[in-house]
Amino acid sequence: MKALPYFSDIHFWIVVLFVIRLIGITNPPLEVEHNWRQTTVTMVARNFLEVDNNIFYPRVDFAGDKTGITGMEFPLLNYMIYGTAEIFGYQHWYGRLINLIVSSFGLWFFYRLVSLFFKESVSFYATLVLSVSIWFQFSRKIMPDTFAMSLIIAGIYYGFKFLKSQNPLVVKKEALAYFLLILLGVLAKLPSGYLLIVFVFPIFDSTIAVQRKVLFVCISGLALIPAVCWYFYWVPFLVENYGFWHFFMGKSITMGFQEIITNGQATAQKFYDTAIKFIGFGLFVWGMFTAYRHKEKRIFWILLVTLFSFSIVILKAGYTFPHHSYYIIPFVPVMALVAGFGLSSIDNKKVRIFLMTAIAIEGIANQQHDFFLKPSSQHLLNLESDLNQISQPNDLIAINSGDVPTPMYFAHRKGWILHQEDLLNVSYLEDLKSKGVKFVVVLNNNQTNFNPNLLGQLIMKKEGYSIYSK
């Protein structure tokens, strides 16, 4: 039986996977993994709507009695959520849909980019592998990782088109598209810029005019200036002047190297498990072997150069890299390319389809939990309404959620997030009271032994939390 023609059309699969990821798209950020990271995005967006919409002054809700203004990633995704809320009213889930749309276009541009240099079957399988990799899960989270990488991939596509095009009118359009996409992509997520290293190849390409290369370097430099100013001047300025540190800017290469060596197995696992799962990684290894056997030097040079560039990201992250799955996302497109090359090299079509199906099943099955809310956290959906019964929206509160800001976001209040030992610290609790804390929310699943008399009067007890009045 002949296969239906649209099964071999990448647009069909991008649309299918887009529709699948619409399941639970209106869920609040309370899924099993990374709800804490998503609520740091949503609270900034909500503060743009409710407090101040100046994009240069993002603010979080867990800075105690401070303004909450702090240095962080350039809030491009946050501001798009804010803009949507200005039109339709605020909802938790806007960022999911925005990211899903942009990341789906990212898959399309990835396909087009790979097609510039490899045969269609390579770009087809590489895009399918990428679409069911960790990209599948994080492209529907309210986080800037696949969002930023999609802008970078599209920008790189237009960058190569600009370097190769001979049509003066087209060149101008492609130069502008490259400039804007790279500018916004690196601003949205600084590590995503590592992939720009691929332009080392056309820079040394003798068939491209020197004038075009010089112009390209100038455009690239101008596109990166805003990111340099934001991350290395404005972020430190906000932290210093508003007194609240939140954003992780990395550590020294030496310290990062030591931490990566200490956590070697966990670091390696991000490549052979987290990125494209085990079957996908097997095809990645097969792709390298096939490239060697067929003397396909482009695969090796791309892998070597990008891995060198990405290793800087790994070393700057240090301990954080092996302990946060989303740090591998920028390198996954490269792994998908190599795996796609390996798949396309298999002559038997039935074997290719079988392996691609296995990759998809393994990838999606290991990410299906992302469609559902975390049962132990669903009580947080009632926290704001419960607090509204006993307090005003501008009352400062404290919540024993450790480093996790999710409960503070759903409380729709500002204040402090406490560690368990803080509930035992009399002087610290008194200090919070002097700074204006009106209520303390104690999460039942985070409780430790403490003296409730230190927290004030118990005024509400629910299944998931207790609320004390100071």
Protein backbone atom coordinates (compact mmCIF):
# COMPACT_ATOMS: atom_id res chain seq x y z
CA MET A 1 0.00 0.00 0.00
CA LYS A 2 1.41 3.33 -1.06
CA ALA A 3 2.02 5.86 1.73
CA LEU A 4 -0.17 8.93 1.73
CA PRO A 5 1.80 11.85 0.20
CA TYR A 6 1.32 14.21 3.13
CA PHE A 7 3.05 11.76 5.47
CA SER A 8 6.31 12.81 3.85
CA ASP A 9 5.50 16.53 4.11
CA ILE A 10 7.15 18.16 7.14
CA HIS A 11 4.40 20.79 7.28
CA PHE A 12 1.88 18.04 8.01
CA TRP A 13 3.87 16.76 10.98
CA ILE A 14 4.55 20.23 12.37
CA VAL A 15 0.80 20.88 12.32
CA VAL A 16 -0.02 17.48 13.83
CA LEU A 17 2.43 17.96 16.68
CA PHE A 18 1.17 21.51 17.17
CA VAL A 19 -2.38 20.19 17.59
CA ILE A 20 -1.25 17.45 19.99
CA ARG A 21 0.45 20.04 22.18
CA LEU A 22 -2.77 22.04 22.35
CA ILE A 23 -3.97 19.43 24.85
CA GLY A 24 -4.11 21.25 28.16
CA ILE A 25 -2.79 24.45 26.60
CA THR A 26 -5.04 26.51 28.93
CA ASN A 27 -3.63 24.82 32.03
CA PRO A 28 -2.11 27.13 34.61
CA PRO A 29 1.65 26.65 35.17
CA LEU A 30 1.22 23.81 37.66
CA GLU A 31 2.48 20.78 35.76
CA VAL A 32 4.88 18.33 37.33
CA GLU A 33 8.11 19.91 36.09
CA HIS A 34 9.33 23.51 36.01
CA ASN A 35 6.21 25.25 37.26
CA TRP A 36 8.59 27.37 39.37
CA ARG A 37 10.44 28.58 36.28
CA GLN A 38 7.24 29.37 34.43
CA THR A 39 5.77 31.44 37.23
CA THR A 40 8.85 33.67 37.24
CA VAL A 41 7.85 34.50 33.66
CA THR A 42 4.14 34.93 34.29
CA MET A 43 4.49 37.10 37.39
CA VAL A 44 6.73 39.51 35.48
CA ALA A 45 4.15 39.67 32.68
CA ARG A 46 1.34 40.26 35.17
CA ASN A 47 3.31 43.05 36.83
CA PHE A 48 3.74 44.73 33.46
CA LEU A 49 -0.04 44.74 33.28
CA GLU A 50 -0.86 45.71 36.86
CA VAL A 51 2.09 47.79 38.07
CA ASP A 52 4.28 49.28 35.35
CA ASN A 53 4.61 48.31 31.69
CA ASN A 54 8.15 49.66 31.24
CA ILE A 55 9.97 46.71 29.65
CA PHE A 56 13.30 47.87 31.10
CA TYR A 57 12.09 47.36 34.67
CA PRO A 58 10.84 43.78 35.07
CA ARG A 59 9.71 42.90 38.56
CA VAL A 60 9.01 39.73 40.50
CA ASP A 61 6.67 39.14 43.46
CA PHE A 62 9.05 37.51 45.94
CA ALA A 63 11.41 40.39 46.72
CA GLY A 64 9.92 41.04 50.15
CA ASP A 65 9.23 44.72 50.82
CA LYS A 66 11.37 45.86 47.88
CA THR A 67 9.97 46.97 44.53
CA GLY A 68 10.66 43.56 42.98
CA ILE A 69 12.57 45.19 40.13
CA THR A 70 15.57 43.02 39.31
CA GLY A 71 17.94 41.95 36.58
CA MET A 72 16.83 38.98 34.50
CA GLU A 73 16.61 37.72 30.93
CA PHE A 74 15.31 40.38 28.60
CA PRO A 75 11.54 40.01 29.10
CA LEU A 76 10.53 39.61 25.47
CA LEU A 77 8.24 36.61 26.04
CA ASN A 78 6.91 38.24 29.21
CA TYR A 79 6.07 41.39 27.28
CA MET A 80 4.27 39.45 24.57
CA ILE A 81 2.14 37.87 27.30
CA TYR A 82 1.49 41.35 28.70
CA GLY A 83 0.50 42.66 25.26
CA THR A 84 -1.94 39.78 24.82
CA ALA A 85 -3.39 40.46 28.29
CA GLU A 86 -3.92 44.13 27.42
CA ILE A 87 -6.22 43.01 24.61
CA PHE A 88 -7.96 39.96 26.06
CA GLY A 89 -7.53 40.29 29.83
CA TYR A 90 -5.02 38.34 31.88
CA GLN A 91 -4.93 34.53 31.83
CA HIS A 92 -2.20 32.24 33.13
CA TRP A 93 -1.72 30.32 29.90
CA TYR A 94 -1.05 32.92 27.20
CA GLY A 95 2.67 32.25 27.31
CA ARG A 96 2.09 28.58 26.49
CA LEU A 97 0.35 29.37 23.22
CA ILE A 98 2.78 32.14 22.25
CA ASN A 99 5.75 29.85 22.81
CA LEU A 100 4.10 26.96 20.98
CA ILE A 101 3.39 29.12 17.92
CA VAL A 102 6.91 30.59 17.78
CA SER A 103 8.57 27.22 18.46
CA SER A 104 6.53 25.56 15.71
CA PHE A 105 7.77 28.19 13.27
CA GLY A 106 11.21 27.40 14.67
CA LEU A 107 10.81 23.79 13.48
CA TRP A 108 9.83 25.04 10.02
CA PHE A 109 12.89 27.30 9.82
CA PHE A 110 15.09 24.48 11.09
CA TYR A 111 13.85 22.35 8.20
CA ARG A 112 14.55 25.17 5.74
CA LEU A 113 17.99 25.83 7.23
CA VAL A 114 19.10 22.19 7.02
CA SER A 115 17.71 22.02 3.48
CA LEU A 116 20.17 24.71 2.41
CA PHE A 117 23.06 22.27 2.90
CA PHE A 118 21.72 18.72 2.92
CA LYS A 119 19.28 16.63 0.93
CA GLU A 120 15.58 16.79 1.74
CA SER A 121 15.49 13.48 3.61
CA VAL A 122 18.10 14.74 6.09
CA SER A 123 16.15 17.92 6.83
CA PHE A 124 12.89 15.94 7.08
CA TYR A 125 14.16 13.38 9.61
CA ALA A 126 16.23 15.93 11.52
CA THR A 127 13.16 18.12 11.99
CA LEU A 128 11.06 15.16 13.12
CA VAL A 129 13.72 14.16 15.66
CA LEU A 130 13.90 17.73 16.96
CA SER A 131 10.11 17.99 17.19
CA VAL A 132 9.81 14.96 19.52
CA SER A 133 12.94 15.72 21.52
CA ILE A 134 12.92 17.81 24.70
CA TRP A 135 11.70 20.52 22.31
CA PHE A 136 8.26 18.83 22.38
CA GLN A 137 7.80 19.53 26.08
CA PHE A 138 9.44 22.89 26.44
CA SER A 139 7.84 24.41 23.37
CA ARG A 140 4.57 24.55 25.32
CA LYS A 141 6.01 25.79 28.59
CA ILE A 142 5.97 29.44 29.57
CA MET A 143 9.73 29.66 29.27
CA PRO A 144 12.00 31.40 26.73
CA ASP A 145 14.28 28.48 25.81
CA THR A 146 12.75 27.05 22.62
CA PHE A 147 11.25 30.49 21.96
CA ALA A 148 14.70 32.10 21.77
CA MET A 149 16.25 29.19 19.87
CA SER A 150 13.50 29.45 17.26
CA LEU A 151 14.36 33.10 16.67
CA ILE A 152 18.05 32.20 16.42
CA ILE A 153 17.43 29.35 13.96
CA ALA A 154 15.28 31.59 11.78
CA GLY A 155 17.92 34.31 12.00
CA ILE A 156 20.69 31.91 10.96
CA TYR A 157 18.59 30.83 7.99
CA TYR A 158 18.24 34.42 6.81
CA GLY A 159 21.91 35.04 7.56
CA PHE A 160 22.99 32.29 5.16
CA LYS A 161 20.48 33.48 2.56
CA PHE A 162 21.92 36.99 2.85
CA LEU A 163 25.47 35.73 2.35
CA LYS A 164 24.54 33.69 -0.72
CA SER A 165 21.87 35.81 -2.41
CA GLN A 166 22.66 37.83 -5.53
CA ASN A 167 19.38 39.76 -5.72
CA PRO A 168 19.95 43.27 -4.23
CA LEU A 169 16.30 43.65 -3.14
CA VAL A 170 16.20 40.21 -1.52
CA VAL A 171 19.54 40.86 0.17
CA LYS A 172 18.15 43.90 1.98
CA LYS A 173 15.12 42.00 3.25
CA GLU A 174 17.22 39.07 4.39
CA ALA A 175 19.72 41.36 6.10
CA LEU A 176 16.91 43.05 8.02
CA ALA A 177 15.30 39.72 8.98
CA TYR A 178 18.68 38.36 10.14
CA PHE A 179 19.41 41.49 12.17
CA LEU A 180 16.06 41.57 13.97
CA LEU A 181 15.81 37.84 14.66
CA ILE A 182 19.35 37.54 16.01
CA LEU A 183 18.94 40.68 18.09
CA LEU A 184 15.73 39.41 19.70
CA GLY A 185 16.86 35.79 20.03
CA VAL A 186 20.07 36.55 21.91
CA LEU A 187 18.30 39.14 24.04
CA ALA A 188 15.59 36.63 25.00
CA LYS A 189 18.11 33.94 26.03
CA LEU A 190 21.82 34.72 25.99
CA PRO A 191 23.11 31.09 25.68
CA SER A 192 21.11 30.63 22.48
CA GLY A 193 23.65 32.87 20.75
CA TYR A 194 26.25 30.10 20.91
CA LEU A 195 24.86 28.69 17.63
CA LEU A 196 26.01 31.77 15.71
CA ILE A 197 29.40 30.05 15.62
CA VAL A 198 28.18 28.28 12.46
CA PHE A 199 28.90 31.48 10.53
CA VAL A 200 32.59 30.67 10.84
CA PHE A 201 32.08 28.49 7.74
CA PRO A 202 30.86 31.18 5.29
CA ILE A 203 33.37 33.67 6.69
CA PHE A 204 36.13 31.40 5.37
CA ASP A 205 34.27 30.61 2.17
CA SER A 206 36.27 32.09 -0.72
CA THR A 207 33.23 32.10 -3.04
CA ILE A 208 31.54 34.81 -0.96
CA ALA A 209 32.62 38.38 -1.70
CA VAL A 210 34.75 40.06 0.95
CA GLN A 211 32.48 43.11 0.97
CA ARG A 212 29.48 40.91 1.76
CA LYS A 213 31.38 39.27 4.62
CA VAL A 214 32.43 42.64 6.07
CA LEU A 215 28.86 43.90 5.89
CA PHE A 216 27.61 40.69 7.52
CA VAL A 217 30.08 41.02 10.41
CA CYS A 218 29.00 44.64 10.94
CA ILE A 219 25.32 43.70 10.96
CA SER A 220 26.04 40.86 13.39
CA GLY A 221 27.98 43.14 15.71
CA LEU A 222 25.17 45.70 15.75
CA ALA A 223 22.61 42.95 16.45
CA LEU A 224 24.58 41.75 19.48
CA ILE A 225 25.12 45.17 21.07
CA PRO A 226 21.69 45.28 22.79
CA ALA A 227 22.31 41.88 24.42
CA VAL A 228 25.75 42.95 25.63
CA CYS A 229 24.30 46.15 27.09
CA TRP A 230 21.38 44.34 28.72
CA TYR A 231 23.24 41.43 30.32
CA PHE A 232 26.52 43.08 31.22
CA TYR A 233 25.38 46.58 32.10
CA TRP A 234 21.65 46.80 32.72
CA VAL A 235 21.17 43.55 34.69
CA PRO A 236 23.94 44.45 37.20
CA PHE A 237 22.58 48.01 37.34
CA LEU A 238 19.08 46.81 38.29
CA VAL A 239 20.42 44.42 40.91
CA GLU A 240 22.63 47.07 42.48
CA ASN A 241 20.08 49.85 42.47
CA TYR A 242 16.99 47.89 43.48
CA GLY A 243 18.70 45.54 45.89
CA PHE A 244 17.36 42.18 44.77
CA TRP A 245 19.39 39.45 43.05
CA HIS A 246 17.52 36.78 41.13
CA PHE A 247 19.09 36.06 37.73
CA PHE A 248 21.90 33.50 37.36
CA MET A 249 24.71 34.96 35.26
CA GLY A 250 27.01 31.97 35.48
CA LYS A 251 30.31 31.44 37.22
CA SER A 252 33.98 31.30 36.34
CA ILE A 253 35.14 28.78 33.75
CA THR A 254 37.49 27.22 36.31
CA MET A 255 34.78 26.69 38.91
CA GLY A 256 32.35 25.49 36.27
CA PHE A 257 34.87 22.95 34.98
CA GLN A 258 35.38 21.55 38.48
CA GLU A 259 31.63 21.23 39.03
CA ILE A 260 31.08 19.56 35.65
CA ILE A 261 33.83 17.02 36.38
CA THR A 262 32.30 16.32 39.79
CA ASN A 263 28.89 15.83 38.16
CA GLY A 264 30.19 14.04 35.06
CA GLN A 265 27.55 11.32 34.86
CA ALA A 266 24.65 13.74 35.32
CA THR A 267 26.17 16.01 32.68
CA ALA A 268 26.55 13.15 30.19
CA GLN A 269 22.97 12.08 30.87
CA LYS A 270 21.71 15.39 29.51
CA PHE A 271 23.08 14.31 26.12
CA TYR A 272 22.24 10.60 25.98
CA ASP A 273 18.89 10.78 27.79
CA THR A 274 17.36 14.24 28.30
CA ALA A 275 18.02 15.70 24.84
CA ILE A 276 16.59 13.17 22.37
CA LYS A 277 16.22 10.09 24.63
CA PHE A 278 18.03 6.78 24.19
CA ILE A 279 16.88 5.68 20.75
CA GLY A 280 17.44 9.15 19.38
CA PHE A 281 20.91 9.23 20.89
CA GLY A 282 21.62 5.85 19.31
CA LEU A 283 20.75 7.36 15.92
CA PHE A 284 22.94 10.35 16.79
CA VAL A 285 25.90 8.00 17.30
CA TRP A 286 24.95 6.16 14.11
CA GLY A 287 24.86 9.50 12.29
CA MET A 288 28.43 10.26 13.37
CA PHE A 289 29.57 6.80 12.26
CA THR A 290 27.79 7.17 8.91
CA ALA A 291 29.27 10.61 8.34
CA TYR A 292 32.72 9.16 8.97
CA ARG A 293 32.09 6.22 6.67
CA HIS A 294 30.76 8.44 3.86
CA LYS A 295 33.39 11.11 4.47
CA GLU A 296 30.67 13.69 5.11
CA LYS A 297 32.97 16.29 6.65
CA ARG A 298 30.25 18.92 7.04
CA ILE A 299 28.56 16.92 9.79
CA PHE A 300 31.78 16.56 11.73
CA TRP A 301 32.74 20.22 11.37
CA ILE A 302 29.28 21.40 12.44
CA LEU A 303 29.32 19.07 15.44
CA LEU A 304 32.89 19.99 16.40
CA VAL A 305 32.47 23.76 16.11
CA THR A 306 29.09 23.94 17.83
CA LEU A 307 30.16 21.58 20.62
CA PHE A 308 33.20 23.77 21.25
CA SER A 309 30.98 26.86 21.43
CA PHE A 310 28.35 25.15 23.58
CA SER A 311 31.02 23.88 25.98
CA ILE A 312 31.49 27.49 27.07
CA VAL A 313 27.81 27.58 28.02
CA ILE A 314 28.23 24.32 29.94
CA LEU A 315 31.28 25.52 31.84
CA LYS A 316 29.71 28.88 32.68
CA ALA A 317 26.66 27.06 34.03
CA GLY A 318 28.70 24.56 36.05
CA TYR A 319 26.60 22.63 38.57
CA THR A 320 23.43 24.19 37.17
CA PHE A 321 23.79 22.47 33.77
CA PRO A 322 23.43 18.84 34.89
CA HIS A 323 20.68 19.75 37.37
CA HIS A 324 18.32 21.63 35.03
CA SER A 325 17.10 19.78 31.96
CA TYR A 326 16.37 22.87 29.86
CA TYR A 327 20.05 23.87 29.70
CA ILE A 328 20.60 21.23 26.99
CA ILE A 329 17.93 22.70 24.68
CA PRO A 330 20.24 24.97 22.64
CA PHE A 331 22.35 21.98 21.56
CA VAL A 332 19.45 19.68 20.67
CA PRO A 333 19.05 21.03 17.09
CA VAL A 334 22.65 19.99 16.38
CA MET A 335 22.04 16.50 17.79
CA ALA A 336 18.81 16.25 15.79
CA LEU A 337 20.72 17.14 12.61
CA VAL A 338 23.27 14.36 13.16
CA ALA A 339 20.54 11.85 14.09
CA GLY A 340 18.53 12.90 11.03
CA PHE A 341 21.58 12.37 8.85
CA GLY A 342 21.97 8.90 10.33
CA LEU A 343 18.33 8.03 9.71
CA SER A 344 18.38 9.27 6.13
CA SER A 345 21.44 7.11 5.39
CA ILE A 346 19.46 3.91 6.02
CA ASP A 347 18.40 2.52 2.64
CA ASN A 348 15.43 0.49 3.84
CA LYS A 349 12.46 2.85 4.11
CA LYS A 350 10.54 0.53 6.45
CA VAL A 351 13.47 0.51 8.86
CA ARG A 352 13.66 4.30 8.74
CA ILE A 353 9.95 4.60 9.51
CA PHE A 354 10.20 2.03 12.30
CA LEU A 355 13.12 3.84 13.97
CA MET A 356 11.54 7.26 13.60
CA THR A 357 8.32 5.92 15.08
CA ALA A 358 10.27 4.44 18.00
CA ILE A 359 12.01 7.76 18.61
CA ALA A 360 8.67 9.56 18.58
CA ILE A 361 6.97 7.10 20.92
CA GLU A 362 9.86 7.13 23.38
CA GLY A 363 10.16 10.90 23.25
CA ILE A 364 6.48 11.76 23.65
CA ALA A 365 5.78 9.00 26.19
CA ASN A 366 8.51 10.35 28.44
CA GLN A 367 7.03 13.84 28.21
CA GLN A 368 3.30 13.11 28.42
CA HIS A 369 3.19 14.22 32.08
CA ASP A 370 3.55 17.78 30.82
CA PHE A 371 -0.10 17.75 29.74
CA PHE A 372 -1.36 17.32 33.31
CA LEU A 373 -1.38 19.34 36.50
CA LYS A 374 0.63 18.21 39.50
CA PRO A 375 -2.00 16.76 41.88
CA SER A 376 -0.24 17.89 45.04
CA SER A 377 -0.19 21.51 43.85
CA GLN A 378 -3.73 21.99 42.56
CA HIS A 379 -4.85 23.50 45.87
CA LEU A 380 -2.80 26.57 44.95
CA LEU A 381 -5.53 27.50 42.47
CA ASN A 382 -7.70 28.47 45.47
CA LEU A 383 -5.01 30.38 47.37
CA GLU A 384 -5.77 33.82 45.95
CA SER A 385 -9.51 33.57 46.57
CA ASP A 386 -8.92 32.36 50.13
CA LEU A 387 -6.54 35.23 50.83
CA ASN A 388 -9.03 37.68 49.32
CA GLN A 389 -11.50 36.72 52.05
CA ILE A 390 -9.15 37.87 54.81
CA SER A 391 -6.71 40.34 53.28
CA GLN A 392 -6.13 43.08 50.75
CA PRO A 393 -4.20 42.53 47.50
CA ASN A 394 -1.40 44.85 48.65
CA ASP A 395 -0.83 43.03 51.96
CA LEU A 396 2.63 41.53 52.21
CA ILE A 397 2.75 37.80 52.92
CA ALA A 398 5.34 35.07 53.52
CA ILE A 399 5.12 31.49 52.19
CA ASN A 400 7.31 28.54 53.16
CA SER A 401 7.93 27.39 49.57
CA GLY A 402 11.73 27.46 49.71
CA ASP A 403 13.21 28.75 46.46
CA VAL A 404 10.00 28.06 44.54
CA PRO A 405 7.96 31.19 43.72
CA THR A 406 4.92 29.31 42.38
CA PRO A 407 2.73 29.67 45.51
CA MET A 408 3.49 33.40 45.67
CA TYR A 409 2.38 33.78 42.07
CA PHE A 410 -0.93 32.01 42.70
CA ALA A 411 -1.42 33.99 45.90
CA HIS A 412 -1.31 37.08 43.68
CA ARG A 413 0.52 38.88 46.47
CA LYS A 414 4.02 40.14 47.10
CA GLY A 415 6.34 39.22 49.93
CA TRP A 416 8.88 36.61 50.99
CA ILE A 417 9.38 32.94 50.18
CA LEU A 418 10.74 31.12 53.23
CA HIS A 419 12.76 27.98 53.82
CA GLN A 420 11.60 25.48 56.44
CA GLU A 421 14.19 26.56 58.99
CA ASP A 422 12.87 30.12 58.76
CA LEU A 423 9.70 28.98 60.52
CA LEU A 424 11.87 28.21 63.57
CA ASN A 425 13.81 31.48 63.50
CA VAL A 426 12.17 33.80 66.02
CA SER A 427 14.27 36.86 65.22
CA TYR A 428 13.76 36.42 61.48
CA LEU A 429 9.99 36.12 61.86
CA GLU A 430 9.94 39.24 64.03
CA ASP A 431 12.00 41.05 61.43
CA LEU A 432 9.47 40.10 58.75
CA LYS A 433 6.68 41.43 60.92
CA SER A 434 8.52 44.74 61.34
CA LYS A 435 8.85 44.95 57.55
CA GLY A 436 5.11 44.64 57.08
CA VAL A 437 4.23 40.96 56.76
CA LYS A 438 0.52 40.59 57.49
CA PHE A 439 0.04 36.87 56.83
CA VAL A 440 2.12 33.70 56.76
CA VAL A 441 1.02 30.85 54.50
CA VAL A 442 2.31 27.45 55.61
CA LEU A 443 2.10 24.80 52.90
CA ASN A 444 1.05 21.52 54.47
CA ASN A 445 3.26 19.42 52.19
CA ASN A 446 6.27 21.57 53.14
CA GLN A 447 5.74 21.61 56.89
CA THR A 448 8.44 20.93 59.39
CA ASN A 449 8.26 21.04 63.16
CA PHE A 450 7.57 24.62 64.20
CA ASN A 451 5.83 26.57 66.92
CA PRO A 452 2.60 27.94 65.41
CA ASN A 453 2.49 30.61 68.10
CA LEU A 454 5.47 32.25 66.42
CA LEU A 455 3.44 32.74 63.25
CA GLY A 456 0.48 34.46 64.86
CA GLN A 457 -3.17 33.48 64.92
CA LEU A 458 -4.39 30.62 62.75
CA ILE A 459 -7.26 32.10 60.76
CA MET A 460 -7.73 29.58 57.95
CA LYS A 461 -6.86 25.93 57.49
CA LYS A 462 -7.34 24.23 54.16
CA GLU A 463 -6.32 20.89 52.70
CA GLY A 464 -3.13 22.26 51.16
CA TYR A 465 -2.15 25.13 53.44
CA SER A 466 -2.77 27.04 56.63
CA ILE A 467 -2.87 30.83 56.89
CA TYR A 468 -1.67 32.68 59.98
CA SER A 469 -2.21 36.36 60.74
CA LYS A 470 0.74 38.31 62.15
